[in-house]
Amino acid sequence: MERYRIHSEAAVYFVTYSIVEWLPVFVSDSACRIITDSLNFCHQHKGLRTNAYVIMPTHMHAILFDKDFDSQRLRASLADFRKFTGRSLSDFCTRHLPQCFARVFREAATADRSRRFWQPGRHPEAIKTETFWRQKLDYLHANPCRKGLVRMADHWRFSSALYYLSDGRLECDVTINALDWS
């Protein structure tokens, strides 16, 4: 079985979505809110659950699962999320960012589309153990620190780090759902 696929043997996944050519689109609240609003919409209407996330200037990471641990519905929800955010963010860039961004998205297009926002693939990694989950959780929350953007993970605006560091007392922009590993 191919490593980077959503399959029926796992229900929780670490995913990465990267912008084509690593363009820094997520440098404004408005662009990041397209992601957070979409994750919340998918929570309310598609059964998608977000366990953790971070939005970096050029990409995002998340730990996601389906509310019923249905891998087929998870696959469909992530496809819808990717399509919607790709279109919305491409439109946002056309309206608010330099024209070179829209040109790059058009140049990255394939035969079935006029533009491409996300790089191909989302590299879903199945999370089957609490140890691996903790590695991925720590990795995504530490990402802004490793890149020198903040000194402490909970200082990064678009991340679930503050939620986790406050033991769930402080909310973030995305509805966070815990996992019970017992």
C-alpha atoms as a PDB file:
ATOM      1  CA  MET A   1       0.000   0.000   0.000  1.00  0.00           C
ATOM      2  CA  GLU A   2       1.303   3.456  -0.914  1.00  0.00           C
ATOM      3  CA  ARG A   3       2.520   5.404   2.107  1.00  0.00           C
ATOM      4  CA  TYR A   4       0.845   8.749   1.382  1.00  0.00           C
ATOM      5  CA  ARG A   5      -2.787   7.766   0.910  1.00  0.00           C
ATOM      6  CA  ILE A   6      -5.840   7.742   3.109  1.00  0.00           C
ATOM      7  CA  HIS A   7      -6.828   4.119   3.572  1.00  0.00           C
ATOM      8  CA  SER A   8      -9.377   2.172   5.618  1.00  0.00           C
ATOM      9  CA  GLU A   9      -6.794   0.837   8.101  1.00  0.00           C
ATOM     10  CA  ALA A  10      -6.335   4.274   9.717  1.00  0.00           C
ATOM     11  CA  ALA A  11      -8.682   7.037  10.790  1.00  0.00           C
ATOM     12  CA  VAL A  12      -6.466   9.929  11.972  1.00  0.00           C
ATOM     13  CA  TYR A  13      -4.050  11.697   9.633  1.00  0.00           C
ATOM     14  CA  PHE A  14      -1.352  14.337   9.661  1.00  0.00           C
ATOM     15  CA  VAL A  15      -1.666  16.354   6.432  1.00  0.00           C
ATOM     16  CA  THR A  16       0.367  19.078   4.794  1.00  0.00           C
ATOM     17  CA  TYR A  17      -0.925  21.482   2.161  1.00  0.00           C
ATOM     18  CA  SER A  18       1.735  23.606   0.433  1.00  0.00           C
ATOM     19  CA  ILE A  19       1.201  26.539  -1.901  1.00  0.00           C
ATOM     20  CA  VAL A  20       2.656  26.191  -5.394  1.00  0.00           C
ATOM     21  CA  GLU A  21       6.176  27.604  -5.634  1.00  0.00           C
ATOM     22  CA  TRP A  22       5.995  28.121  -1.858  1.00  0.00           C
ATOM     23  CA  LEU A  23       4.436  31.556  -2.349  1.00  0.00           C
ATOM     24  CA  PRO A  24       3.866  33.410   0.965  1.00  0.00           C
ATOM     25  CA  VAL A  25       0.093  33.849   0.783  1.00  0.00           C
ATOM     26  CA  PHE A  26      -0.688  33.323   4.473  1.00  0.00           C
ATOM     27  CA  VAL A  27       0.759  36.614   5.658  1.00  0.00           C
ATOM     28  CA  SER A  28      -2.595  38.311   6.268  1.00  0.00           C
ATOM     29  CA  ASP A  29      -5.471  37.483   8.586  1.00  0.00           C
ATOM     30  CA  SER A  30      -7.849  37.459   5.604  1.00  0.00           C
ATOM     31  CA  ALA A  31      -6.011  34.677   3.782  1.00  0.00           C
ATOM     32  CA  CYS A  32      -5.668  32.603   6.973  1.00  0.00           C
ATOM     33  CA  ARG A  33      -9.352  33.045   7.774  1.00  0.00           C
ATOM     34  CA  ILE A  34     -10.261  31.359   4.501  1.00  0.00           C
ATOM     35  CA  ILE A  35      -8.571  28.254   5.932  1.00  0.00           C
ATOM     36  CA  THR A  36      -9.976  28.535   9.460  1.00  0.00           C
ATOM     37  CA  ASP A  37     -13.504  29.306   8.249  1.00  0.00           C
ATOM     38  CA  SER A  38     -13.369  26.374   5.851  1.00  0.00           C
ATOM     39  CA  LEU A  39     -12.163  23.974   8.560  1.00  0.00           C
ATOM     40  CA  ASN A  40     -15.037  25.142  10.777  1.00  0.00           C
ATOM     41  CA  PHE A  41     -17.535  24.755   7.920  1.00  0.00           C
ATOM     42  CA  CYS A  42     -16.287  21.222   7.295  1.00  0.00           C
ATOM     43  CA  HIS A  43     -16.649  20.541  11.030  1.00  0.00           C
ATOM     44  CA  GLN A  44     -20.288  21.664  11.002  1.00  0.00           C
ATOM     45  CA  HIS A  45     -21.389  20.201   7.677  1.00  0.00           C
ATOM     46  CA  LYS A  46     -19.031  17.385   6.679  1.00  0.00           C
ATOM     47  CA  GLY A  47     -18.057  15.659   9.921  1.00  0.00           C
ATOM     48  CA  LEU A  48     -14.402  16.743   9.644  1.00  0.00           C
ATOM     49  CA  ARG A  49     -12.627  17.054  12.956  1.00  0.00           C
ATOM     50  CA  THR A  50      -9.490  19.090  13.542  1.00  0.00           C
ATOM     51  CA  ASN A  51      -7.250  17.847  16.307  1.00  0.00           C
ATOM     52  CA  ALA A  52      -4.444  20.371  15.704  1.00  0.00           C
ATOM     53  CA  TYR A  53      -3.308  22.818  13.031  1.00  0.00           C
ATOM     54  CA  VAL A  54      -0.826  25.517  12.127  1.00  0.00           C
ATOM     55  CA  ILE A  55      -0.940  27.903   9.177  1.00  0.00           C
ATOM     56  CA  MET A  56       2.520  28.996   8.074  1.00  0.00           C
ATOM     57  CA  PRO A  57       3.183  31.686   5.417  1.00  0.00           C
ATOM     58  CA  THR A  58       3.645  29.097   2.628  1.00  0.00           C
ATOM     59  CA  HIS A  59       1.855  25.977   3.873  1.00  0.00           C
ATOM     60  CA  MET A  60      -0.291  24.451   6.567  1.00  0.00           C
ATOM     61  CA  HIS A  61      -0.214  21.305   8.695  1.00  0.00           C
ATOM     62  CA  ALA A  62      -3.130  19.660  10.453  1.00  0.00           C
ATOM     63  CA  ILE A  63      -4.118  16.522  12.304  1.00  0.00           C
ATOM     64  CA  LEU A  64      -7.553  15.604  11.033  1.00  0.00           C
ATOM     65  CA  PHE A  65     -10.120  12.834  11.334  1.00  0.00           C
ATOM     66  CA  ASP A  66     -13.760  12.106  10.552  1.00  0.00           C
ATOM     67  CA  LYS A  67     -16.254  12.329  13.432  1.00  0.00           C
ATOM     68  CA  ASP A  68     -17.160   8.645  12.937  1.00  0.00           C
ATOM     69  CA  PHE A  69     -13.587   7.672  11.987  1.00  0.00           C
ATOM     70  CA  ASP A  70     -14.867   6.980   8.458  1.00  0.00           C
ATOM     71  CA  SER A  71     -11.810   7.132   6.187  1.00  0.00           C
ATOM     72  CA  GLN A  72     -13.907   7.313   2.986  1.00  0.00           C
ATOM     73  CA  ARG A  73     -15.813  10.373   4.211  1.00  0.00           C
ATOM     74  CA  LEU A  74     -12.535  11.873   5.465  1.00  0.00           C
ATOM     75  CA  ARG A  75     -11.047  11.496   1.986  1.00  0.00           C
ATOM     76  CA  ALA A  76     -14.104  13.206   0.432  1.00  0.00           C
ATOM     77  CA  SER A  77     -14.120  16.006   3.024  1.00  0.00           C
ATOM     78  CA  LEU A  78     -10.437  16.735   2.444  1.00  0.00           C
ATOM     79  CA  ALA A  79     -10.963  16.788  -1.329  1.00  0.00           C
ATOM     80  CA  ASP A  80     -13.801  19.310  -0.889  1.00  0.00           C
ATOM     81  CA  PHE A  81     -11.706  21.370   1.535  1.00  0.00           C
ATOM     82  CA  ARG A  82      -8.802  21.429  -0.896  1.00  0.00           C
ATOM     83  CA  LYS A  83     -10.946  22.432  -3.898  1.00  0.00           C
ATOM     84  CA  PHE A  84     -12.850  25.144  -2.052  1.00  0.00           C
ATOM     85  CA  THR A  85      -9.825  26.707  -0.385  1.00  0.00           C
ATOM     86  CA  GLY A  86      -7.782  26.491  -3.577  1.00  0.00           C
ATOM     87  CA  ARG A  87     -10.411  28.426  -5.528  1.00  0.00           C
ATOM     88  CA  SER A  88     -11.071  30.913  -2.721  1.00  0.00           C
ATOM     89  CA  LEU A  89      -7.411  31.598  -2.070  1.00  0.00           C
ATOM     90  CA  SER A  90      -6.632  31.942  -5.798  1.00  0.00           C
ATOM     91  CA  ASP A  91      -9.438  34.515  -6.034  1.00  0.00           C
ATOM     92  CA  PHE A  92      -8.141  36.264  -2.913  1.00  0.00           C
ATOM     93  CA  CYS A  93      -4.639  36.475  -4.420  1.00  0.00           C
ATOM     94  CA  THR A  94      -5.988  37.845  -7.696  1.00  0.00           C
ATOM     95  CA  ARG A  95      -7.807  40.625  -5.822  1.00  0.00           C
ATOM     96  CA  HIS A  96      -5.291  41.476  -3.077  1.00  0.00           C
ATOM     97  CA  LEU A  97      -1.763  40.368  -3.962  1.00  0.00           C
ATOM     98  CA  PRO A  98       0.676  41.307  -6.740  1.00  0.00           C
ATOM     99  CA  GLN A  99      -0.227  40.033 -10.218  1.00  0.00           C
ATOM    100  CA  CYS A 100       2.786  37.728 -10.231  1.00  0.00           C
ATOM    101  CA  PHE A 101       0.959  35.452  -7.732  1.00  0.00           C
ATOM    102  CA  ALA A 102      -1.990  34.904 -10.091  1.00  0.00           C
ATOM    103  CA  ARG A 103       0.449  34.344 -12.962  1.00  0.00           C
ATOM    104  CA  VAL A 104       2.253  31.606 -11.013  1.00  0.00           C
ATOM    105  CA  PHE A 105      -1.088  29.891 -10.267  1.00  0.00           C
ATOM    106  CA  ARG A 106      -2.019  29.990 -13.968  1.00  0.00           C
ATOM    107  CA  GLU A 107       1.393  28.652 -14.993  1.00  0.00           C
ATOM    108  CA  ALA A 108       0.990  25.762 -12.527  1.00  0.00           C
ATOM    109  CA  ALA A 109      -2.337  24.758 -14.070  1.00  0.00           C
ATOM    110  CA  THR A 110      -2.885  21.340 -15.581  1.00  0.00           C
ATOM    111  CA  ALA A 111      -5.130  20.191 -18.407  1.00  0.00           C
ATOM    112  CA  ASP A 112      -8.156  19.908 -16.098  1.00  0.00           C
ATOM    113  CA  ARG A 113      -7.942  23.380 -14.502  1.00  0.00           C
ATOM    114  CA  SER A 114      -7.088  26.970 -15.360  1.00  0.00           C
ATOM    115  CA  ARG A 115      -4.973  27.538 -12.242  1.00  0.00           C
ATOM    116  CA  ARG A 116      -3.501  25.628  -9.312  1.00  0.00           C
ATOM    117  CA  PHE A 117      -3.112  27.032  -5.803  1.00  0.00           C
ATOM    118  CA  TRP A 118      -2.023  23.956  -3.824  1.00  0.00           C
ATOM    119  CA  GLN A 119       0.925  21.785  -4.756  1.00  0.00           C
ATOM    120  CA  PRO A 120      -0.171  18.287  -5.781  1.00  0.00           C
ATOM    121  CA  GLY A 121      -0.611  15.916  -2.880  1.00  0.00           C
ATOM    122  CA  ARG A 122      -1.333  16.453   0.777  1.00  0.00           C
ATOM    123  CA  HIS A 123       1.013  13.727   2.050  1.00  0.00           C
ATOM    124  CA  PRO A 124      -1.407  12.200   4.559  1.00  0.00           C
ATOM    125  CA  GLU A 125       0.469  10.251   7.213  1.00  0.00           C
ATOM    126  CA  ALA A 126      -1.627   7.788   9.194  1.00  0.00           C
ATOM    127  CA  ILE A 127      -1.451   8.296  12.945  1.00  0.00           C
ATOM    128  CA  LYS A 128      -1.983   5.003  14.729  1.00  0.00           C
ATOM    129  CA  THR A 129      -0.212   5.513  18.062  1.00  0.00           C
ATOM    130  CA  GLU A 130      -0.210   8.157  20.746  1.00  0.00           C
ATOM    131  CA  THR A 131       3.577   8.445  20.454  1.00  0.00           C
ATOM    132  CA  PHE A 132       3.415   9.257  16.730  1.00  0.00           C
ATOM    133  CA  TRP A 133       0.501  11.647  17.355  1.00  0.00           C
ATOM    134  CA  ARG A 134       2.565  13.494  19.980  1.00  0.00           C
ATOM    135  CA  GLN A 135       5.506  13.761  17.532  1.00  0.00           C
ATOM    136  CA  LYS A 136       3.288  15.303  14.870  1.00  0.00           C
ATOM    137  CA  LEU A 137       1.513  17.573  17.355  1.00  0.00           C
ATOM    138  CA  ASP A 138       4.811  18.884  18.688  1.00  0.00           C
ATOM    139  CA  TYR A 139       6.228  19.218  15.159  1.00  0.00           C
ATOM    140  CA  LEU A 140       3.384  21.339  13.840  1.00  0.00           C
ATOM    141  CA  HIS A 141       3.166  23.549  16.930  1.00  0.00           C
ATOM    142  CA  ALA A 142       6.937  24.144  16.930  1.00  0.00           C
ATOM    143  CA  ASN A 143       7.039  24.993  13.207  1.00  0.00           C
ATOM    144  CA  PRO A 144       6.750  28.810  13.661  1.00  0.00           C
ATOM    145  CA  CYS A 145       9.558  28.695  16.267  1.00  0.00           C
ATOM    146  CA  ARG A 146      11.838  26.572  14.059  1.00  0.00           C
ATOM    147  CA  LYS A 147      11.333  29.080  11.226  1.00  0.00           C
ATOM    148  CA  GLY A 148      12.218  31.993  13.530  1.00  0.00           C
ATOM    149  CA  LEU A 149       8.784  33.615  13.308  1.00  0.00           C
ATOM    150  CA  VAL A 150       8.062  33.552  17.054  1.00  0.00           C
ATOM    151  CA  ARG A 151       9.937  32.538  20.198  1.00  0.00           C
ATOM    152  CA  MET A 152       7.105  30.539  21.742  1.00  0.00           C
ATOM    153  CA  ALA A 153       4.613  28.348  19.885  1.00  0.00           C
ATOM    154  CA  ASP A 154       1.589  29.864  21.627  1.00  0.00           C
ATOM    155  CA  HIS A 155       2.526  33.290  20.218  1.00  0.00           C
ATOM    156  CA  TRP A 156       1.731  32.180  16.649  1.00  0.00           C
ATOM    157  CA  ARG A 157      -1.720  33.526  15.723  1.00  0.00           C
ATOM    158  CA  PHE A 158      -3.045  30.760  13.466  1.00  0.00           C
ATOM    159  CA  SER A 159      -2.275  27.620  15.416  1.00  0.00           C
ATOM    160  CA  SER A 160      -3.830  25.329  17.998  1.00  0.00           C
ATOM    161  CA  ALA A 161      -0.748  25.648  20.257  1.00  0.00           C
ATOM    162  CA  LEU A 162      -2.441  28.062  22.674  1.00  0.00           C
ATOM    163  CA  TYR A 163      -5.402  25.693  22.991  1.00  0.00           C
ATOM    164  CA  TYR A 164      -3.103  22.811  23.943  1.00  0.00           C
ATOM    165  CA  LEU A 165      -0.836  24.847  26.229  1.00  0.00           C
ATOM    166  CA  SER A 166      -3.910  26.072  28.134  1.00  0.00           C
ATOM    167  CA  ASP A 167      -5.305  22.511  28.437  1.00  0.00           C
ATOM    168  CA  GLY A 168      -8.254  23.507  26.262  1.00  0.00           C
ATOM    169  CA  ARG A 169      -9.284  26.517  28.351  1.00  0.00           C
ATOM    170  CA  LEU A 170      -8.419  29.015  25.612  1.00  0.00           C
ATOM    171  CA  GLU A 171     -10.059  28.604  22.241  1.00  0.00           C
ATOM    172  CA  CYS A 172      -8.530  29.219  18.851  1.00  0.00           C
ATOM    173  CA  ASP A 173     -10.008  30.069  15.458  1.00  0.00           C
ATOM    174  CA  VAL A 174     -10.770  26.428  14.636  1.00  0.00           C
ATOM    175  CA  THR A 175     -12.898  24.044  16.642  1.00  0.00           C
ATOM    176  CA  ILE A 176     -10.431  21.577  18.166  1.00  0.00           C
ATOM    177  CA  ASN A 177     -11.438  17.979  18.896  1.00  0.00           C
ATOM    178  CA  ALA A 178      -9.424  15.869  21.301  1.00  0.00           C
ATOM    179  CA  LEU A 179      -8.448  12.273  20.699  1.00  0.00           C
ATOM    180  CA  ASP A 180      -8.778   9.675  23.436  1.00  0.00           C
ATOM    181  CA  TRP A 181      -5.823   7.294  23.210  1.00  0.00           C
ATOM    182  CA  SER A 182      -6.943   5.060  26.088  1.00  0.00           C
END
